Amino acid sequence: MSEFTVRRAVADDSKRLTRLVRSSRAYRGDYATMVEGYQVGGAYIEHHPVFVAVDASDRVLGFYALLLDDAELDLAFVADSAQGRGIGRLLMEHMAGQAGAAGLKAVRVVAHPPAEEFYLRTGAVRSGTVPPTGHIHWERPELRYDIA
């Protein structure tokens, strides 16, 4: 039996998902402004397919959010303490299954620059670059998961 499972997020997960986003090591330094004050709200969780990887104690280890109307991976995070255990890969495989079940042919990802290698290792292909906009002052890699 796996040490973690994936389940649909519920509105009550909001605070835990928000805390995971805001505490991510990947968003320190110059990137901190991206998550400062960010919230994963209950309404967002109820409106979009949001799935969490949890351990046997229901501790959130990671999550993703898929925007079906836009065919885009909106959020994907793994807790710093849980990285390197295959949770991110499991979440991306799960996301691809959900996207396929919804009839999507591809899923767009506008990646946080330090996360690009992760997405490439899990099957995404680079499709371009998104220029700086708003409070984001750096280019971001644009990638795509082709859904079989």
N, C-alpha and C. Protein backbone atom coordinates (compact mmCIF):
# COMPACT_ATOMS: atom_id res chain seq x y z
N MET A 1 0.84 -1.19 0.00
CA MET A 1 0.00 0.00 0.00
C MET A 1 0.88 1.25 0.00
N SER A 2 0.47 2.24 -0.79
CA SER A 2 1.23 3.48 -0.90
C SER A 2 1.15 4.27 0.41
N GLU A 3 2.19 5.05 0.66
CA GLU A 3 2.18 5.87 1.87
C GLU A 3 1.39 7.16 1.69
N PHE A 4 0.90 7.40 0.48
CA PHE A 4 0.05 8.56 0.24
C PHE A 4 -0.97 8.24 -0.84
N THR A 5 -2.08 8.97 -0.80
CA THR A 5 -3.15 8.79 -1.77
C THR A 5 -3.56 10.16 -2.29
N VAL A 6 -4.28 10.16 -3.40
CA VAL A 6 -4.79 11.39 -3.99
C VAL A 6 -6.31 11.38 -3.82
N ARG A 7 -6.84 12.49 -3.33
CA ARG A 7 -8.28 12.65 -3.18
C ARG A 7 -8.69 14.03 -3.65
N ARG A 8 -9.97 14.19 -3.92
CA ARG A 8 -10.51 15.49 -4.30
C ARG A 8 -10.42 16.43 -3.10
N ALA A 9 -9.97 17.64 -3.31
CA ALA A 9 -9.92 18.62 -2.24
C ALA A 9 -11.34 19.09 -1.91
N VAL A 10 -11.52 19.52 -0.67
CA VAL A 10 -12.79 20.09 -0.22
C VAL A 10 -12.50 21.48 0.33
N ALA A 11 -13.54 22.28 0.46
CA ALA A 11 -13.37 23.68 0.92
C ALA A 11 -12.62 23.74 2.25
N ASP A 12 -12.81 22.75 3.12
CA ASP A 12 -12.12 22.75 4.41
C ASP A 12 -10.60 22.61 4.27
N ASP A 13 -10.12 22.23 3.10
CA ASP A 13 -8.67 22.13 2.86
C ASP A 13 -8.04 23.48 2.58
N SER A 14 -8.85 24.51 2.41
CA SER A 14 -8.38 25.82 1.97
C SER A 14 -7.19 26.35 2.76
N LYS A 15 -7.28 26.35 4.07
CA LYS A 15 -6.19 26.90 4.89
C LYS A 15 -4.91 26.09 4.72
N ARG A 16 -5.02 24.78 4.64
CA ARG A 16 -3.82 23.95 4.50
C ARG A 16 -3.17 24.16 3.13
N LEU A 17 -3.97 24.30 2.09
CA LEU A 17 -3.40 24.53 0.76
C LEU A 17 -2.77 25.91 0.67
N THR A 18 -3.43 26.90 1.25
CA THR A 18 -2.88 28.25 1.28
C THR A 18 -1.55 28.26 2.02
N ARG A 19 -1.49 27.60 3.15
CA ARG A 19 -0.25 27.54 3.93
C ARG A 19 0.87 26.86 3.13
N LEU A 20 0.52 25.79 2.40
CA LEU A 20 1.52 25.10 1.58
C LEU A 20 2.09 26.04 0.52
N VAL A 21 1.23 26.80 -0.15
CA VAL A 21 1.68 27.74 -1.18
C VAL A 21 2.59 28.81 -0.57
N ARG A 22 2.13 29.43 0.49
CA ARG A 22 2.87 30.55 1.08
C ARG A 22 4.19 30.13 1.72
N SER A 23 4.32 28.88 2.13
CA SER A 23 5.54 28.44 2.81
C SER A 23 6.55 27.78 1.87
N SER A 24 6.22 27.67 0.60
CA SER A 24 7.09 26.98 -0.36
C SER A 24 8.46 27.66 -0.48
N ARG A 25 9.51 26.87 -0.31
CA ARG A 25 10.89 27.38 -0.48
C ARG A 25 11.12 27.93 -1.87
N ALA A 26 10.42 27.42 -2.85
CA ALA A 26 10.60 27.86 -4.24
C ALA A 26 10.19 29.31 -4.46
N TYR A 27 9.47 29.87 -3.50
CA TYR A 27 8.98 31.24 -3.64
C TYR A 27 9.61 32.17 -2.62
N ARG A 28 10.86 31.98 -2.36
CA ARG A 28 11.60 32.90 -1.48
C ARG A 28 12.38 33.88 -2.34
N GLY A 29 12.92 34.89 -1.72
CA GLY A 29 13.73 35.87 -2.43
C GLY A 29 12.89 36.66 -3.42
N ASP A 30 13.41 36.81 -4.63
CA ASP A 30 12.73 37.60 -5.66
C ASP A 30 11.33 37.09 -5.97
N TYR A 31 11.10 35.79 -5.79
CA TYR A 31 9.81 35.20 -6.14
C TYR A 31 8.75 35.35 -5.05
N ALA A 32 9.11 35.85 -3.89
CA ALA A 32 8.19 35.92 -2.74
C ALA A 32 6.92 36.71 -3.05
N THR A 33 7.04 37.74 -3.88
CA THR A 33 5.86 38.57 -4.17
C THR A 33 4.76 37.79 -4.87
N MET A 34 5.10 36.70 -5.53
CA MET A 34 4.09 35.91 -6.25
C MET A 34 3.09 35.26 -5.30
N VAL A 35 3.52 34.89 -4.11
CA VAL A 35 2.63 34.17 -3.20
C VAL A 35 2.25 34.97 -1.96
N GLU A 36 2.80 36.15 -1.85
CA GLU A 36 2.49 37.01 -0.71
C GLU A 36 0.98 37.32 -0.71
N GLY A 37 0.31 36.95 0.35
CA GLY A 37 -1.12 37.20 0.45
C GLY A 37 -1.99 36.27 -0.37
N TYR A 38 -1.39 35.29 -1.05
CA TYR A 38 -2.15 34.37 -1.91
C TYR A 38 -3.04 33.47 -1.08
N GLN A 39 -4.24 33.21 -1.58
CA GLN A 39 -5.16 32.30 -0.90
C GLN A 39 -5.74 31.31 -1.89
N VAL A 40 -5.82 30.06 -1.46
CA VAL A 40 -6.55 29.04 -2.21
C VAL A 40 -7.90 28.93 -1.49
N GLY A 41 -8.87 29.66 -1.99
CA GLY A 41 -10.16 29.78 -1.31
C GLY A 41 -11.06 28.58 -1.47
N GLY A 42 -11.99 28.46 -0.55
CA GLY A 42 -12.96 27.36 -0.59
C GLY A 42 -13.79 27.37 -1.86
N ALA A 43 -14.21 28.55 -2.32
CA ALA A 43 -15.00 28.64 -3.55
C ALA A 43 -14.19 28.17 -4.76
N TYR A 44 -12.90 28.52 -4.79
CA TYR A 44 -12.02 28.08 -5.87
C TYR A 44 -11.95 26.55 -5.88
N ILE A 45 -11.76 25.97 -4.71
CA ILE A 45 -11.65 24.51 -4.58
C ILE A 45 -12.94 23.83 -5.04
N GLU A 46 -14.08 24.40 -4.70
CA GLU A 46 -15.34 23.80 -5.08
C GLU A 46 -15.65 23.97 -6.56
N HIS A 47 -15.12 25.02 -7.18
CA HIS A 47 -15.43 25.31 -8.59
C HIS A 47 -14.50 24.58 -9.57
N HIS A 48 -13.28 24.28 -9.17
CA HIS A 48 -12.30 23.67 -10.07
C HIS A 48 -11.88 22.29 -9.55
N PRO A 49 -11.42 21.43 -10.46
CA PRO A 49 -10.86 20.16 -10.01
C PRO A 49 -9.53 20.42 -9.28
N VAL A 50 -9.57 20.31 -7.97
CA VAL A 50 -8.39 20.45 -7.13
C VAL A 50 -8.23 19.13 -6.40
N PHE A 51 -7.04 18.56 -6.51
CA PHE A 51 -6.77 17.27 -5.89
C PHE A 51 -5.56 17.38 -4.99
N VAL A 52 -5.62 16.68 -3.86
CA VAL A 52 -4.53 16.71 -2.89
C VAL A 52 -3.95 15.32 -2.71
N ALA A 53 -2.64 15.28 -2.50
CA ALA A 53 -1.96 14.05 -2.07
C ALA A 53 -1.87 14.15 -0.56
N VAL A 54 -2.35 13.12 0.12
CA VAL A 54 -2.36 13.11 1.58
C VAL A 54 -1.72 11.82 2.09
N ASP A 55 -1.19 11.90 3.31
CA ASP A 55 -0.66 10.69 3.94
C ASP A 55 -1.79 10.01 4.73
N ALA A 56 -1.46 8.94 5.43
CA ALA A 56 -2.46 8.17 6.17
C ALA A 56 -3.16 8.99 7.25
N SER A 57 -2.53 10.08 7.69
CA SER A 57 -3.13 10.95 8.70
C SER A 57 -3.88 12.13 8.07
N ASP A 58 -4.06 12.09 6.75
CA ASP A 58 -4.71 13.15 5.98
C ASP A 58 -3.92 14.46 6.00
N ARG A 59 -2.61 14.35 6.21
CA ARG A 59 -1.73 15.52 6.12
C ARG A 59 -1.50 15.81 4.65
N VAL A 60 -1.72 17.06 4.23
CA VAL A 60 -1.55 17.44 2.83
C VAL A 60 -0.07 17.48 2.49
N LEU A 61 0.32 16.69 1.48
CA LEU A 61 1.70 16.62 1.02
C LEU A 61 1.91 17.40 -0.27
N GLY A 62 0.83 17.61 -1.01
CA GLY A 62 0.90 18.34 -2.27
C GLY A 62 -0.49 18.45 -2.87
N PHE A 63 -0.60 19.27 -3.91
CA PHE A 63 -1.90 19.41 -4.57
C PHE A 63 -1.71 20.01 -5.96
N TYR A 64 -2.76 19.90 -6.76
CA TYR A 64 -2.79 20.60 -8.04
C TYR A 64 -4.21 21.08 -8.30
N ALA A 65 -4.32 22.08 -9.17
CA ALA A 65 -5.61 22.60 -9.61
C ALA A 65 -5.59 22.67 -11.13
N LEU A 66 -6.62 22.13 -11.74
CA LEU A 66 -6.74 22.08 -13.18
C LEU A 66 -7.91 22.96 -13.61
N LEU A 67 -7.67 23.87 -14.53
CA LEU A 67 -8.73 24.72 -15.08
C LEU A 67 -9.21 24.06 -16.37
N LEU A 68 -10.36 23.42 -16.31
CA LEU A 68 -10.85 22.67 -17.47
C LEU A 68 -11.22 23.58 -18.63
N ASP A 69 -11.85 24.72 -18.35
CA ASP A 69 -12.27 25.62 -19.43
C ASP A 69 -11.07 26.19 -20.19
N ASP A 70 -9.95 26.38 -19.51
CA ASP A 70 -8.75 26.93 -20.13
C ASP A 70 -7.73 25.85 -20.49
N ALA A 71 -8.00 24.59 -20.12
CA ALA A 71 -7.05 23.49 -20.32
C ALA A 71 -5.67 23.88 -19.79
N GLU A 72 -5.67 24.31 -18.52
CA GLU A 72 -4.43 24.81 -17.93
C GLU A 72 -4.25 24.28 -16.51
N LEU A 73 -3.02 23.91 -16.20
CA LEU A 73 -2.65 23.57 -14.83
C LEU A 73 -2.41 24.90 -14.13
N ASP A 74 -3.29 25.24 -13.19
CA ASP A 74 -3.22 26.54 -12.55
C ASP A 74 -2.27 26.55 -11.36
N LEU A 75 -2.31 25.52 -10.56
CA LEU A 75 -1.47 25.41 -9.37
C LEU A 75 -0.94 23.99 -9.25
N ALA A 76 0.28 23.87 -8.78
CA ALA A 76 0.85 22.56 -8.46
C ALA A 76 1.95 22.79 -7.43
N PHE A 77 1.79 22.19 -6.26
CA PHE A 77 2.74 22.36 -5.17
C PHE A 77 2.94 21.04 -4.45
N VAL A 78 4.16 20.81 -4.02
CA VAL A 78 4.47 19.71 -3.11
C VAL A 78 5.17 20.34 -1.91
N ALA A 79 4.75 19.93 -0.72
CA ALA A 79 5.36 20.47 0.50
C ALA A 79 6.86 20.25 0.47
N ASP A 80 7.61 21.22 0.93
CA ASP A 80 9.07 21.11 0.94
C ASP A 80 9.52 19.81 1.61
N SER A 81 8.90 19.46 2.71
CA SER A 81 9.29 18.27 3.47
C SER A 81 8.93 16.96 2.77
N ALA A 82 8.09 17.04 1.74
CA ALA A 82 7.65 15.83 1.04
C ALA A 82 8.27 15.68 -0.34
N GLN A 83 9.13 16.59 -0.74
CA GLN A 83 9.72 16.52 -2.08
C GLN A 83 10.69 15.35 -2.19
N GLY A 84 10.79 14.82 -3.40
CA GLY A 84 11.70 13.71 -3.66
C GLY A 84 11.10 12.35 -3.37
N ARG A 85 9.80 12.28 -3.09
CA ARG A 85 9.14 11.02 -2.76
C ARG A 85 8.20 10.54 -3.86
N GLY A 86 8.18 11.22 -5.01
CA GLY A 86 7.32 10.81 -6.11
C GLY A 86 5.93 11.41 -6.08
N ILE A 87 5.68 12.31 -5.14
CA ILE A 87 4.35 12.90 -4.99
C ILE A 87 4.02 13.80 -6.18
N GLY A 88 4.97 14.62 -6.60
CA GLY A 88 4.74 15.49 -7.75
C GLY A 88 4.44 14.70 -9.00
N ARG A 89 5.21 13.64 -9.23
CA ARG A 89 4.98 12.78 -10.41
C ARG A 89 3.59 12.15 -10.34
N LEU A 90 3.23 11.64 -9.17
CA LEU A 90 1.90 11.05 -8.99
C LEU A 90 0.81 12.08 -9.28
N LEU A 91 0.97 13.30 -8.80
CA LEU A 91 -0.02 14.34 -9.04
C LEU A 91 -0.13 14.68 -10.53
N MET A 92 0.99 14.73 -11.24
CA MET A 92 0.94 15.05 -12.67
C MET A 92 0.30 13.90 -13.45
N GLU A 93 0.55 12.67 -13.06
CA GLU A 93 -0.10 11.53 -13.70
C GLU A 93 -1.61 11.58 -13.45
N HIS A 94 -1.98 11.90 -12.23
CA HIS A 94 -3.40 12.02 -11.88
C HIS A 94 -4.04 13.15 -12.69
N MET A 95 -3.34 14.29 -12.78
CA MET A 95 -3.84 15.42 -13.55
C MET A 95 -4.08 15.03 -15.00
N ALA A 96 -3.14 14.29 -15.59
CA ALA A 96 -3.29 13.87 -16.98
C ALA A 96 -4.52 12.97 -17.13
N GLY A 97 -4.75 12.11 -16.16
CA GLY A 97 -5.93 11.25 -16.20
C GLY A 97 -7.22 12.05 -16.11
N GLN A 98 -7.25 13.04 -15.24
CA GLN A 98 -8.43 13.91 -15.11
C GLN A 98 -8.64 14.71 -16.39
N ALA A 99 -7.56 15.22 -16.96
CA ALA A 99 -7.67 16.00 -18.20
C ALA A 99 -8.20 15.12 -19.34
N GLY A 100 -7.68 13.91 -19.44
CA GLY A 100 -8.15 12.99 -20.48
C GLY A 100 -9.63 12.65 -20.30
N ALA A 101 -10.03 12.38 -19.06
CA ALA A 101 -11.43 12.07 -18.78
C ALA A 101 -12.35 13.23 -19.13
N ALA A 102 -11.83 14.46 -19.05
CA ALA A 102 -12.60 15.66 -19.38
C ALA A 102 -12.57 15.96 -20.88
N GLY A 103 -11.83 15.15 -21.65
CA GLY A 103 -11.77 15.35 -23.09
C GLY A 103 -10.71 16.33 -23.57
N LEU A 104 -9.80 16.73 -22.68
CA LEU A 104 -8.74 17.65 -23.09
C LEU A 104 -7.67 16.90 -23.88
N LYS A 105 -7.13 17.56 -24.87
CA LYS A 105 -6.05 16.98 -25.69
C LYS A 105 -4.68 17.42 -25.20
N ALA A 106 -4.63 18.56 -24.52
CA ALA A 106 -3.37 19.09 -23.99
C ALA A 106 -3.69 19.98 -22.80
N VAL A 107 -2.70 20.15 -21.92
CA VAL A 107 -2.84 21.02 -20.76
C VAL A 107 -1.65 21.97 -20.75
N ARG A 108 -1.94 23.26 -20.72
CA ARG A 108 -0.93 24.30 -20.69
C ARG A 108 -0.43 24.51 -19.26
N VAL A 109 0.86 24.80 -19.15
CA VAL A 109 1.47 25.13 -17.87
C VAL A 109 2.33 26.37 -18.07
N VAL A 110 2.06 27.42 -17.30
CA VAL A 110 2.97 28.55 -17.23
C VAL A 110 3.73 28.33 -15.93
N ALA A 111 4.98 27.94 -16.07
CA ALA A 111 5.74 27.43 -14.93
C ALA A 111 6.49 28.50 -14.16
N HIS A 112 6.62 28.26 -12.90
CA HIS A 112 7.56 28.99 -12.05
C HIS A 112 8.94 28.57 -12.56
N PRO A 113 9.84 29.50 -12.90
CA PRO A 113 11.11 29.10 -13.53
C PRO A 113 11.86 27.95 -12.82
N PRO A 114 11.97 27.93 -11.50
CA PRO A 114 12.68 26.82 -10.88
C PRO A 114 11.96 25.46 -11.03
N ALA A 115 10.68 25.47 -11.41
CA ALA A 115 9.93 24.23 -11.54
C ALA A 115 9.97 23.65 -12.96
N GLU A 116 10.56 24.36 -13.89
CA GLU A 116 10.54 23.90 -15.28
C GLU A 116 11.11 22.49 -15.43
N GLU A 117 12.23 22.22 -14.82
CA GLU A 117 12.85 20.89 -14.95
C GLU A 117 11.92 19.78 -14.46
N PHE A 118 11.21 20.03 -13.36
CA PHE A 118 10.24 19.05 -12.86
C PHE A 118 9.20 18.74 -13.93
N TYR A 119 8.62 19.76 -14.54
CA TYR A 119 7.59 19.54 -15.55
C TYR A 119 8.15 18.78 -16.75
N LEU A 120 9.36 19.12 -17.16
CA LEU A 120 9.98 18.40 -18.29
C LEU A 120 10.21 16.94 -17.94
N ARG A 121 10.66 16.67 -16.72
CA ARG A 121 10.90 15.28 -16.28
C ARG A 121 9.60 14.47 -16.20
N THR A 122 8.48 15.14 -16.01
CA THR A 122 7.22 14.43 -15.88
C THR A 122 6.40 14.43 -17.17
N GLY A 123 7.04 14.77 -18.28
CA GLY A 123 6.40 14.60 -19.58
C GLY A 123 5.95 15.84 -20.31
N ALA A 124 6.10 17.00 -19.72
CA ALA A 124 5.72 18.23 -20.43
C ALA A 124 6.77 18.57 -21.48
N VAL A 125 6.38 19.33 -22.46
CA VAL A 125 7.31 19.83 -23.48
C VAL A 125 7.24 21.36 -23.46
N ARG A 126 8.37 21.97 -23.70
CA ARG A 126 8.42 23.44 -23.73
C ARG A 126 7.74 23.93 -24.99
N SER A 127 6.88 24.93 -24.84
CA SER A 127 6.17 25.46 -26.01
C SER A 127 6.39 26.95 -26.21
N GLY A 128 7.09 27.59 -25.28
CA GLY A 128 7.34 29.01 -25.45
C GLY A 128 7.73 29.67 -24.14
N THR A 129 7.59 30.98 -24.11
CA THR A 129 7.93 31.78 -22.95
C THR A 129 6.84 32.84 -22.77
N VAL A 130 6.47 33.08 -21.54
CA VAL A 130 5.49 34.11 -21.22
C VAL A 130 6.26 35.33 -20.71
N PRO A 131 6.05 36.49 -21.32
CA PRO A 131 6.81 37.68 -20.90
C PRO A 131 6.38 38.17 -19.52
N PRO A 132 7.20 39.01 -18.91
CA PRO A 132 6.84 39.60 -17.61
C PRO A 132 5.52 40.37 -17.71
N THR A 133 4.77 40.33 -16.62
CA THR A 133 3.50 41.05 -16.57
C THR A 133 3.15 41.38 -15.13
N GLY A 134 2.56 42.54 -14.90
CA GLY A 134 2.14 42.92 -13.56
C GLY A 134 3.30 42.91 -12.58
N HIS A 135 3.09 42.26 -11.44
CA HIS A 135 4.14 42.20 -10.41
C HIS A 135 5.15 41.07 -10.66
N ILE A 136 5.01 40.37 -11.78
CA ILE A 136 5.96 39.32 -12.15
C ILE A 136 6.93 39.94 -13.15
N HIS A 137 8.17 40.12 -12.72
CA HIS A 137 9.16 40.86 -13.51
C HIS A 137 10.15 39.95 -14.23
N TRP A 138 9.79 38.73 -14.50
CA TRP A 138 10.68 37.80 -15.17
C TRP A 138 9.87 36.96 -16.15
N GLU A 139 10.55 36.46 -17.16
CA GLU A 139 9.92 35.56 -18.12
C GLU A 139 9.63 34.23 -17.43
N ARG A 140 8.56 33.57 -17.88
CA ARG A 140 8.23 32.26 -17.35
C ARG A 140 8.13 31.27 -18.49
N PRO A 141 8.62 30.05 -18.27
CA PRO A 141 8.52 29.03 -19.31
C PRO A 141 7.06 28.59 -19.49
N GLU A 142 6.68 28.44 -20.74
CA GLU A 142 5.36 27.90 -21.06
C GLU A 142 5.57 26.48 -21.56
N LEU A 143 4.83 25.55 -20.97
CA LEU A 143 4.97 24.15 -21.32
C LEU A 143 3.60 23.56 -21.63
N ARG A 144 3.62 22.31 -22.10
CA ARG A 144 2.37 21.64 -22.46
C ARG A 144 2.51 20.15 -22.17
N TYR A 145 1.49 19.61 -21.53
CA TYR A 145 1.35 18.16 -21.41
C TYR A 145 0.39 17.72 -22.51
N ASP A 146 0.86 16.86 -23.40
CA ASP A 146 -0.05 16.28 -24.41
C ASP A 146 -0.73 15.09 -23.75
N ILE A 147 -2.05 15.08 -23.84
CA ILE A 147 -2.84 14.06 -23.18
C ILE A 147 -3.16 12.95 -24.19
N ALA A 148 -2.82 11.75 -23.84
CA ALA A 148 -3.03 10.60 -24.76
C ALA A 148 -4.48 10.21 -24.81
